[in-house]
Every structure is written in structure tokens, then in C-alpha cells.
Amino acid sequence: MSYRVTEWDRAGRYGAVQLISKTGNARFFRTAAWLTRVETVPEGSRVFSAVDFTLRLRYAFMAPILYVAKRGILADLEALRRAVENS
């Protein structure tokens, strides 16, 4: 898939990346963006990540599947957090 950086604020430690592909798995989405923000905390840094997407109407049947997959994605992010903190 191909992406474009649409916002980057080095001082604010914020970035947004937009999906620009229309083929492969990208065909499911009318719009999709990944948003990342980094905050300084006493222990080091805290990374916040979010995704904002809209499915194409013909793929609306996937909404419940993606909602259920949310738990798996959150579990993966939690595992990543633990790995980074323990390294």
C-alpha cells in the first residue's frame, strides 16, 4: 500500500499519514489515515496512535469484522508497548 504524509509537526511531535493506494487491501477504504502523537513523560516517551477510516459502501459488510478485530489490534499494541518498555 502507498501512503502520503499529510501533517508533520516536529515541535508538537505529531504526524498524520494518509492511505493513497486504491488497490489490494486499500480498495476496502474510501479514506484512511493513521495519526501519531508522542508526549514526553517522566519515564521517557508515550506514543499515541489512532486510525481514522471510512469503508467504501460495497464493503460495509466488513464493519462488524473490523470491530471484532479491534480487540486483536489492541492486544497487539499492548504487546508492542510491553516489548518496547522492557527493552
PDB file of N, CA and C in Angstrom:
ATOM      1  N   MET A   1       0.836  -1.168   0.000  1.00  0.00           N
ATOM      2  CA  MET A   1       0.000   0.000   0.000  1.00  0.00           C
ATOM      3  C   MET A   1       0.888   1.240   0.000  1.00  0.00           C
ATOM      4  N   SER A   2       0.363   2.318  -0.520  1.00  0.00           N
ATOM      5  CA  SER A   2       1.100   3.582  -0.584  1.00  0.00           C
ATOM      6  C   SER A   2       0.448   4.605   0.337  1.00  0.00           C
ATOM      7  N   TYR A   3       1.295   5.440   0.930  1.00  0.00           N
ATOM      8  CA  TYR A   3       0.837   6.435   1.890  1.00  0.00           C
ATOM      9  C   TYR A   3       1.452   7.791   1.581  1.00  0.00           C
ATOM     10  N   ARG A   4       0.831   8.836   2.115  1.00  0.00           N
ATOM     11  CA  ARG A   4       1.354  10.197   1.981  1.00  0.00           C
ATOM     12  C   ARG A   4       1.310  10.842   3.359  1.00  0.00           C
ATOM     13  N   VAL A   5       2.420  11.464   3.749  1.00  0.00           N
ATOM     14  CA  VAL A   5       2.438  12.223   4.999  1.00  0.00           C
ATOM     15  C   VAL A   5       1.659  13.508   4.743  1.00  0.00           C
ATOM     16  N   THR A   6       0.574  13.707   5.489  1.00  0.00           N
ATOM     17  CA  THR A   6      -0.268  14.880   5.275  1.00  0.00           C
ATOM     18  C   THR A   6      -0.045  15.957   6.328  1.00  0.00           C
ATOM     19  N   GLU A   7       0.465  15.568   7.485  1.00  0.00           N
ATOM     20  CA  GLU A   7       0.781  16.536   8.543  1.00  0.00           C
ATOM     21  C   GLU A   7       2.029  16.065   9.268  1.00  0.00           C
ATOM     22  N   TRP A   8       2.888  17.014   9.597  1.00  0.00           N
ATOM     23  CA  TRP A   8       4.064  16.688  10.382  1.00  0.00           C
ATOM     24  C   TRP A   8       4.438  17.906  11.196  1.00  0.00           C
ATOM     25  N   ASP A   9       4.382  17.785  12.488  1.00  0.00           N
ATOM     26  CA  ASP A   9       4.719  18.872  13.392  1.00  0.00           C
ATOM     27  C   ASP A   9       5.806  18.364  14.324  1.00  0.00           C
ATOM     28  N   ARG A  10       7.031  18.597  13.936  1.00  0.00           N
ATOM     29  CA  ARG A  10       8.151  18.087  14.724  1.00  0.00           C
ATOM     30  C   ARG A  10       8.148  18.662  16.135  1.00  0.00           C
ATOM     31  N   ALA A  11       7.867  19.954  16.254  1.00  0.00           N
ATOM     32  CA  ALA A  11       7.854  20.591  17.574  1.00  0.00           C
ATOM     33  C   ALA A  11       6.726  20.024  18.432  1.00  0.00           C
ATOM     34  N   GLY A  12       5.564  19.805  17.829  1.00  0.00           N
ATOM     35  CA  GLY A  12       4.434  19.250  18.560  1.00  0.00           C
ATOM     36  C   GLY A  12       4.448  17.745  18.635  1.00  0.00           C
ATOM     37  N   ARG A  13       5.421  17.139  17.929  1.00  0.00           N
ATOM     38  CA  ARG A  13       5.591  15.688  17.916  1.00  0.00           C
ATOM     39  C   ARG A  13       4.321  14.977  17.478  1.00  0.00           C
ATOM     40  N   TYR A  14       3.802  15.409  16.347  1.00  0.00           N
ATOM     41  CA  TYR A  14       2.553  14.883  15.800  1.00  0.00           C
ATOM     42  C   TYR A  14       2.731  14.617  14.312  1.00  0.00           C
ATOM     43  N   GLY A  15       2.097  13.549  13.823  1.00  0.00           N
ATOM     44  CA  GLY A  15       2.133  13.270  12.402  1.00  0.00           C
ATOM     45  C   GLY A  15       0.865  12.565  11.948  1.00  0.00           C
ATOM     46  N   ALA A  16       0.526  12.747  10.692  1.00  0.00           N
ATOM     47  CA  ALA A  16      -0.627  12.071  10.094  1.00  0.00           C
ATOM     48  C   ALA A  16      -0.200  11.528   8.742  1.00  0.00           C
ATOM     49  N   VAL A  17      -0.606  10.295   8.473  1.00  0.00           N
ATOM     50  CA  VAL A  17      -0.273   9.615   7.224  1.00  0.00           C
ATOM     51  C   VAL A  17      -1.571   9.146   6.592  1.00  0.00           C
ATOM     52  N   GLN A  18      -1.756   9.472   5.312  1.00  0.00           N
ATOM     53  CA  GLN A  18      -2.987   9.130   4.603  1.00  0.00           C
ATOM     54  C   GLN A  18      -2.723   8.021   3.597  1.00  0.00           C
ATOM     55  N   LEU A  19      -3.629   7.061   3.546  1.00  0.00           N
ATOM     56  CA  LEU A  19      -3.568   5.987   2.564  1.00  0.00           C
ATOM     57  C   LEU A  19      -3.909   6.567   1.191  1.00  0.00           C
ATOM     58  N   ILE A  20      -3.056   6.319   0.200  1.00  0.00           N
ATOM     59  CA  ILE A  20      -3.349   6.823  -1.145  1.00  0.00           C
ATOM     60  C   ILE A  20      -3.542   5.707  -2.161  1.00  0.00           C
ATOM     61  N   SER A  21      -3.279   4.464  -1.761  1.00  0.00           N
ATOM     62  CA  SER A  21      -3.496   3.318  -2.647  1.00  0.00           C
ATOM     63  C   SER A  21      -4.979   3.110  -2.890  1.00  0.00           C
ATOM     64  N   LYS A  22      -5.310   2.517  -4.001  1.00  0.00           N
ATOM     65  CA  LYS A  22      -6.698   2.165  -4.310  1.00  0.00           C
ATOM     66  C   LYS A  22      -6.837   0.687  -4.664  1.00  0.00           C
ATOM     67  N   THR A  23      -5.751  -0.064  -4.598  1.00  0.00           N
ATOM     68  CA  THR A  23      -5.764  -1.483  -4.959  1.00  0.00           C
ATOM     69  C   THR A  23      -5.381  -2.331  -3.756  1.00  0.00           C
ATOM     70  N   GLY A  24      -5.464  -3.646  -3.918  1.00  0.00           N
ATOM     71  CA  GLY A  24      -5.130  -4.555  -2.820  1.00  0.00           C
ATOM     72  C   GLY A  24      -6.078  -4.342  -1.663  1.00  0.00           C
ATOM     73  N   ASN A  25      -5.581  -4.470  -0.439  1.00  0.00           N
ATOM     74  CA  ASN A  25      -6.421  -4.262   0.744  1.00  0.00           C
ATOM     75  C   ASN A  25      -6.925  -2.827   0.846  1.00  0.00           C
ATOM     76  N   ALA A  26      -6.241  -1.885   0.196  1.00  0.00           N
ATOM     77  CA  ALA A  26      -6.658  -0.483   0.245  1.00  0.00           C
ATOM     78  C   ALA A  26      -8.004  -0.264  -0.435  1.00  0.00           C
ATOM     79  N   ARG A  27      -8.407  -1.166  -1.297  1.00  0.00           N
ATOM     80  CA  ARG A  27      -9.672  -0.998  -2.022  1.00  0.00           C
ATOM     81  C   ARG A  27     -10.882  -0.976  -1.091  1.00  0.00           C
ATOM     82  N   PHE A  28     -10.745  -1.486   0.141  1.00  0.00           N
ATOM     83  CA  PHE A  28     -11.854  -1.515   1.086  1.00  0.00           C
ATOM     84  C   PHE A  28     -12.205  -0.126   1.632  1.00  0.00           C
ATOM     85  N   PHE A  29     -11.250   0.800   1.575  1.00  0.00           N
ATOM     86  CA  PHE A  29     -11.398   2.083   2.258  1.00  0.00           C
ATOM     87  C   PHE A  29     -11.615   3.242   1.294  1.00  0.00           C
ATOM     88  N   ARG A  30     -12.612   4.080   1.617  1.00  0.00           N
ATOM     89  CA  ARG A  30     -12.786   5.330   0.874  1.00  0.00           C
ATOM     90  C   ARG A  30     -11.721   6.312   1.344  1.00  0.00           C
ATOM     91  N   THR A  31     -11.523   6.388   2.673  1.00  0.00           N
ATOM     92  CA  THR A  31     -10.451   7.198   3.256  1.00  0.00           C
ATOM     93  C   THR A  31      -9.839   6.403   4.403  1.00  0.00           C
ATOM     94  N   ALA A  32      -8.573   6.645   4.670  1.00  0.00           N
ATOM     95  CA  ALA A  32      -7.893   6.027   5.808  1.00  0.00           C
ATOM     96  C   ALA A  32      -6.687   6.880   6.174  1.00  0.00           C
ATOM     97  N   ALA A  33      -6.547   7.153   7.458  1.00  0.00           N
ATOM     98  CA  ALA A  33      -5.404   7.936   7.937  1.00  0.00           C
ATOM     99  C   ALA A  33      -4.934   7.370   9.266  1.00  0.00           C
ATOM    100  N   TRP A  34      -3.636   7.395   9.466  1.00  0.00           N
ATOM    101  CA  TRP A  34      -3.023   6.975  10.717  1.00  0.00           C
ATOM    102  C   TRP A  34      -2.471   8.221  11.384  1.00  0.00           C
ATOM    103  N   LEU A  35      -2.835   8.416  12.638  1.00  0.00           N
ATOM    104  CA  LEU A  35      -2.441   9.602  13.392  1.00  0.00           C
ATOM    105  C   LEU A  35      -1.535   9.178  14.536  1.00  0.00           C
ATOM    106  N   THR A  36      -0.420   9.872  14.707  1.00  0.00           N
ATOM    107  CA  THR A  36       0.544   9.521  15.746  1.00  0.00           C
ATOM    108  C   THR A  36       0.965  10.781  16.489  1.00  0.00           C
ATOM    109  N   ARG A  37       1.027  10.663  17.814  1.00  0.00           N
ATOM    110  CA  ARG A  37       1.462  11.771  18.652  1.00  0.00           C
ATOM    111  C   ARG A  37       2.395  11.205  19.717  1.00  0.00           C
ATOM    112  N   VAL A  38       3.456  11.926  20.021  1.00  0.00           N
ATOM    113  CA  VAL A  38       4.415  11.499  21.034  1.00  0.00           C
ATOM    114  C   VAL A  38       4.457  12.555  22.129  1.00  0.00           C
ATOM    115  N   GLU A  39       4.306  12.111  23.381  1.00  0.00           N
ATOM    116  CA  GLU A  39       4.379  13.010  24.534  1.00  0.00           C
ATOM    117  C   GLU A  39       5.550  12.596  25.412  1.00  0.00           C
ATOM    118  N   THR A  40       6.223  13.587  25.955  1.00  0.00           N
ATOM    119  CA  THR A  40       7.289  13.327  26.915  1.00  0.00           C
ATOM    120  C   THR A  40       6.668  13.080  28.280  1.00  0.00           C
ATOM    121  N   VAL A  41       7.098  12.003  28.922  1.00  0.00           N
ATOM    122  CA  VAL A  41       6.649  11.662  30.273  1.00  0.00           C
ATOM    123  C   VAL A  41       7.890  11.399  31.111  1.00  0.00           C
ATOM    124  N   PRO A  42       7.778  11.404  32.436  1.00  0.00           N
ATOM    125  CA  PRO A  42       8.960  11.199  33.284  1.00  0.00           C
ATOM    126  C   PRO A  42       9.743   9.925  32.931  1.00  0.00           C
ATOM    127  N   GLU A  43       9.043   8.874  32.518  1.00  0.00           N
ATOM    128  CA  GLU A  43       9.707   7.608  32.205  1.00  0.00           C
ATOM    129  C   GLU A  43      10.369   7.609  30.827  1.00  0.00           C
ATOM    130  N   GLY A  44      10.092   8.607  29.991  1.00  0.00           N
ATOM    131  CA  GLY A  44      10.641   8.656  28.631  1.00  0.00           C
ATOM    132  C   GLY A  44       9.657   9.295  27.672  1.00  0.00           C
ATOM    133  N   SER A  45       9.030   8.490  26.829  1.00  0.00           N
ATOM    134  CA  SER A  45       8.049   8.982  25.862  1.00  0.00           C
ATOM    135  C   SER A  45       6.837   8.070  25.833  1.00  0.00           C
ATOM    136  N   ARG A  46       5.687   8.666  25.562  1.00  0.00           N
ATOM    137  CA  ARG A  46       4.457   7.897  25.395  1.00  0.00           C
ATOM    138  C   ARG A  46       3.978   8.160  23.968  1.00  0.00           C
ATOM    139  N   VAL A  47       3.711   7.076  23.247  1.00  0.00           N
ATOM    140  CA  VAL A  47       3.270   7.170  21.862  1.00  0.00           C
ATOM    141  C   VAL A  47       1.785   6.861  21.787  1.00  0.00           C
ATOM    142  N   PHE A  48       1.030   7.754  21.157  1.00  0.00           N
ATOM    143  CA  PHE A  48      -0.391   7.567  20.931  1.00  0.00           C
ATOM    144  C   PHE A  48      -0.589   7.340  19.442  1.00  0.00           C
ATOM    145  N   SER A  49      -1.390   6.355  19.114  1.00  0.00           N
ATOM    146  CA  SER A  49      -1.639   6.039  17.714  1.00  0.00           C
ATOM    147  C   SER A  49      -3.124   5.784  17.518  1.00  0.00           C
ATOM    148  N   ALA A  50      -3.660   6.295  16.416  1.00  0.00           N
ATOM    149  CA  ALA A  50      -5.078   6.110  16.107  1.00  0.00           C
ATOM    150  C   ALA A  50      -5.224   5.952  14.602  1.00  0.00           C
ATOM    151  N   VAL A  51      -6.307   5.315  14.219  1.00  0.00           N
ATOM    152  CA  VAL A  51      -6.619   5.187  12.803  1.00  0.00           C
ATOM    153  C   VAL A  51      -8.025   5.731  12.581  1.00  0.00           C
ATOM    154  N   ASP A  52      -8.203   6.430  11.492  1.00  0.00           N
ATOM    155  CA  ASP A  52      -9.494   7.015  11.138  1.00  0.00           C
ATOM    156  C   ASP A  52      -9.783   6.586   9.702  1.00  0.00           C
ATOM    157  N   PHE A  53     -10.820   5.773   9.516  1.00  0.00           N
ATOM    158  CA  PHE A  53     -11.102   5.307   8.159  1.00  0.00           C
ATOM    159  C   PHE A  53     -12.596   5.242   7.883  1.00  0.00           C
ATOM    160  N   THR A  54     -12.911   5.269   6.603  1.00  0.00           N
ATOM    161  CA  THR A  54     -14.275   5.103   6.119  1.00  0.00           C
ATOM    162  C   THR A  54     -14.254   3.995   5.077  1.00  0.00           C
ATOM    163  N   LEU A  55     -15.102   2.997   5.282  1.00  0.00           N
ATOM    164  CA  LEU A  55     -15.191   1.903   4.311  1.00  0.00           C
ATOM    165  C   LEU A  55     -15.947   2.361   3.068  1.00  0.00           C
ATOM    166  N   ARG A  56     -15.596   1.799   1.933  1.00  0.00           N
ATOM    167  CA  ARG A  56     -16.409   2.001   0.727  1.00  0.00           C
ATOM    168  C   ARG A  56     -17.736   1.277   0.957  1.00  0.00           C
ATOM    169  N   LEU A  57     -18.813   1.809   0.437  1.00  0.00           N
ATOM    170  CA  LEU A  57     -20.146   1.280   0.689  1.00  0.00           C
ATOM    171  C   LEU A  57     -20.250  -0.204   0.363  1.00  0.00           C
ATOM    172  N   ARG A  58     -19.648  -0.640  -0.737  1.00  0.00           N
ATOM    173  CA  ARG A  58     -19.774  -2.059  -1.112  1.00  0.00           C
ATOM    174  C   ARG A  58     -19.061  -2.998  -0.145  1.00  0.00           C
ATOM    175  N   TYR A  59     -18.208  -2.439   0.730  1.00  0.00           N
ATOM    176  CA  TYR A  59     -17.509  -3.261   1.729  1.00  0.00           C
ATOM    177  C   TYR A  59     -18.044  -3.011   3.139  1.00  0.00           C
ATOM    178  N   ALA A  60     -19.216  -2.401   3.255  1.00  0.00           N
ATOM    179  CA  ALA A  60     -19.803  -2.104   4.565  1.00  0.00           C
ATOM    180  C   ALA A  60     -20.018  -3.377   5.388  1.00  0.00           C
ATOM    181  N   PHE A  61     -20.198  -4.508   4.719  1.00  0.00           N
ATOM    182  CA  PHE A  61     -20.379  -5.775   5.446  1.00  0.00           C
ATOM    183  C   PHE A  61     -19.176  -6.112   6.321  1.00  0.00           C
ATOM    184  N   MET A  62     -18.025  -5.468   6.063  1.00  0.00           N
ATOM    185  CA  MET A  62     -16.813  -5.740   6.837  1.00  0.00           C
ATOM    186  C   MET A  62     -16.777  -5.004   8.174  1.00  0.00           C
ATOM    187  N   ALA A  63     -17.678  -4.038   8.369  1.00  0.00           N
ATOM    188  CA  ALA A  63     -17.650  -3.229   9.597  1.00  0.00           C
ATOM    189  C   ALA A  63     -17.680  -4.094  10.855  1.00  0.00           C
ATOM    190  N   PRO A  64     -18.592  -5.073  10.969  1.00  0.00           N
ATOM    191  CA  PRO A  64     -18.576  -5.900  12.184  1.00  0.00           C
ATOM    192  C   PRO A  64     -17.281  -6.701  12.338  1.00  0.00           C
ATOM    193  N   ILE A  65     -16.715  -7.141  11.244  1.00  0.00           N
ATOM    194  CA  ILE A  65     -15.465  -7.905  11.288  1.00  0.00           C
ATOM    195  C   ILE A  65     -14.346  -7.025  11.824  1.00  0.00           C
ATOM    196  N   LEU A  66     -14.272  -5.795  11.326  1.00  0.00           N
ATOM    197  CA  LEU A  66     -13.235  -4.876  11.791  1.00  0.00           C
ATOM    198  C   LEU A  66     -13.459  -4.486  13.244  1.00  0.00           C
ATOM    199  N   TYR A  67     -14.708  -4.366  13.643  1.00  0.00           N
ATOM    200  CA  TYR A  67     -14.996  -4.039  15.037  1.00  0.00           C
ATOM    201  C   TYR A  67     -14.504  -5.164  15.960  1.00  0.00           C
ATOM    202  N   VAL A  68     -14.759  -6.399  15.569  1.00  0.00           N
ATOM    203  CA  VAL A  68     -14.289  -7.543  16.357  1.00  0.00           C
ATOM    204  C   VAL A  68     -12.763  -7.607  16.330  1.00  0.00           C
ATOM    205  N   ALA A  69     -12.156  -7.290  15.190  1.00  0.00           N
ATOM    206  CA  ALA A  69     -10.695  -7.312  15.071  1.00  0.00           C
ATOM    207  C   ALA A  69     -10.039  -6.242  15.938  1.00  0.00           C
ATOM    208  N   LYS A  70     -10.810  -5.242  16.360  1.00  0.00           N
ATOM    209  CA  LYS A  70     -10.289  -4.170  17.200  1.00  0.00           C
ATOM    210  C   LYS A  70      -9.617  -4.737  18.446  1.00  0.00           C
ATOM    211  N   ARG A  71     -10.216  -5.761  19.041  1.00  0.00           N
ATOM    212  CA  ARG A  71      -9.625  -6.379  20.243  1.00  0.00           C
ATOM    213  C   ARG A  71      -8.238  -6.950  19.944  1.00  0.00           C
ATOM    214  N   GLY A  72      -8.108  -7.595  18.805  1.00  0.00           N
ATOM    215  CA  GLY A  72      -6.816  -8.155  18.422  1.00  0.00           C
ATOM    216  C   GLY A  72      -5.774  -7.076  18.177  1.00  0.00           C
ATOM    217  N   ILE A  73      -6.198  -5.998  17.548  1.00  0.00           N
ATOM    218  CA  ILE A  73      -5.285  -4.883  17.285  1.00  0.00           C
ATOM    219  C   ILE A  73      -4.829  -4.264  18.599  1.00  0.00           C
ATOM    220  N   LEU A  74      -5.766  -4.065  19.527  1.00  0.00           N
ATOM    221  CA  LEU A  74      -5.404  -3.512  20.834  1.00  0.00           C
ATOM    222  C   LEU A  74      -4.451  -4.439  21.582  1.00  0.00           C
ATOM    223  N   ALA A  75      -4.672  -5.742  21.485  1.00  0.00           N
ATOM    224  CA  ALA A  75      -3.770  -6.708  22.129  1.00  0.00           C
ATOM    225  C   ALA A  75      -2.378  -6.635  21.508  1.00  0.00           C
ATOM    226  N   ASP A  76      -2.302  -6.503  20.185  1.00  0.00           N
ATOM    227  CA  ASP A  76      -1.005  -6.373  19.506  1.00  0.00           C
ATOM    228  C   ASP A  76      -0.282  -5.107  19.953  1.00  0.00           C
ATOM    229  N   LEU A  77      -1.018  -3.997  20.068  1.00  0.00           N
ATOM    230  CA  LEU A  77      -0.399  -2.749  20.508  1.00  0.00           C
ATOM    231  C   LEU A  77       0.079  -2.846  21.948  1.00  0.00           C
ATOM    232  N   GLU A  78      -0.670  -3.523  22.782  1.00  0.00           N
ATOM    233  CA  GLU A  78      -0.253  -3.723  24.170  1.00  0.00           C
ATOM    234  C   GLU A  78       1.019  -4.568  24.231  1.00  0.00           C
ATOM    235  N   ALA A  79       1.107  -5.603  23.410  1.00  0.00           N
ATOM    236  CA  ALA A  79       2.313  -6.430  23.349  1.00  0.00           C
ATOM    237  C   ALA A  79       3.507  -5.614  22.866  1.00  0.00           C
ATOM    238  N   LEU A  80       3.273  -4.747  21.894  1.00  0.00           N
ATOM    239  CA  LEU A  80       4.338  -3.865  21.409  1.00  0.00           C
ATOM    240  C   LEU A  80       4.798  -2.932  22.520  1.00  0.00           C
ATOM    241  N   ARG A  81       3.850  -2.357  23.257  1.00  0.00           N
ATOM    242  CA  ARG A  81       4.188  -1.464  24.357  1.00  0.00           C
ATOM    243  C   ARG A  81       5.073  -2.169  25.380  1.00  0.00           C
ATOM    244  N   ARG A  82       4.675  -3.372  25.762  1.00  0.00           N
ATOM    245  CA  ARG A  82       5.463  -4.136  26.753  1.00  0.00           C
ATOM    246  C   ARG A  82       6.860  -4.437  26.220  1.00  0.00           C
ATOM    247  N   ALA A  83       6.946  -4.796  24.944  1.00  0.00           N
ATOM    248  CA  ALA A  83       8.260  -5.107  24.368  1.00  0.00           C
ATOM    249  C   ALA A  83       9.167  -3.885  24.357  1.00  0.00           C
ATOM    250  N   VAL A  84       8.628  -2.729  24.016  1.00  0.00           N
ATOM    251  CA  VAL A  84       9.421  -1.504  23.982  1.00  0.00           C
ATOM    252  C   VAL A  84       9.838  -1.105  25.398  1.00  0.00           C
ATOM    253  N   GLU A  85       8.906  -1.192  26.332  1.00  0.00           N
ATOM    254  CA  GLU A  85       9.225  -0.799  27.708  1.00  0.00           C
ATOM    255  C   GLU A  85      10.225  -1.725  28.363  1.00  0.00           C
ATOM    256  N   ASN A  86      10.241  -2.995  27.961  1.00  0.00           N
ATOM    257  CA  ASN A  86      11.157  -3.964  28.584  1.00  0.00           C
ATOM    258  C   ASN A  86      12.486  -4.093  27.872  1.00  0.00           C
ATOM    259  N   SER A  87      12.688  -3.331  26.814  1.00  0.00           N
ATOM    260  CA  SER A  87      13.958  -3.456  26.080  1.00  0.00           C
ATOM    261  C   SER A  87      14.955  -2.420  26.517  1.00  0.00           C
TER     262      SER A  87
END
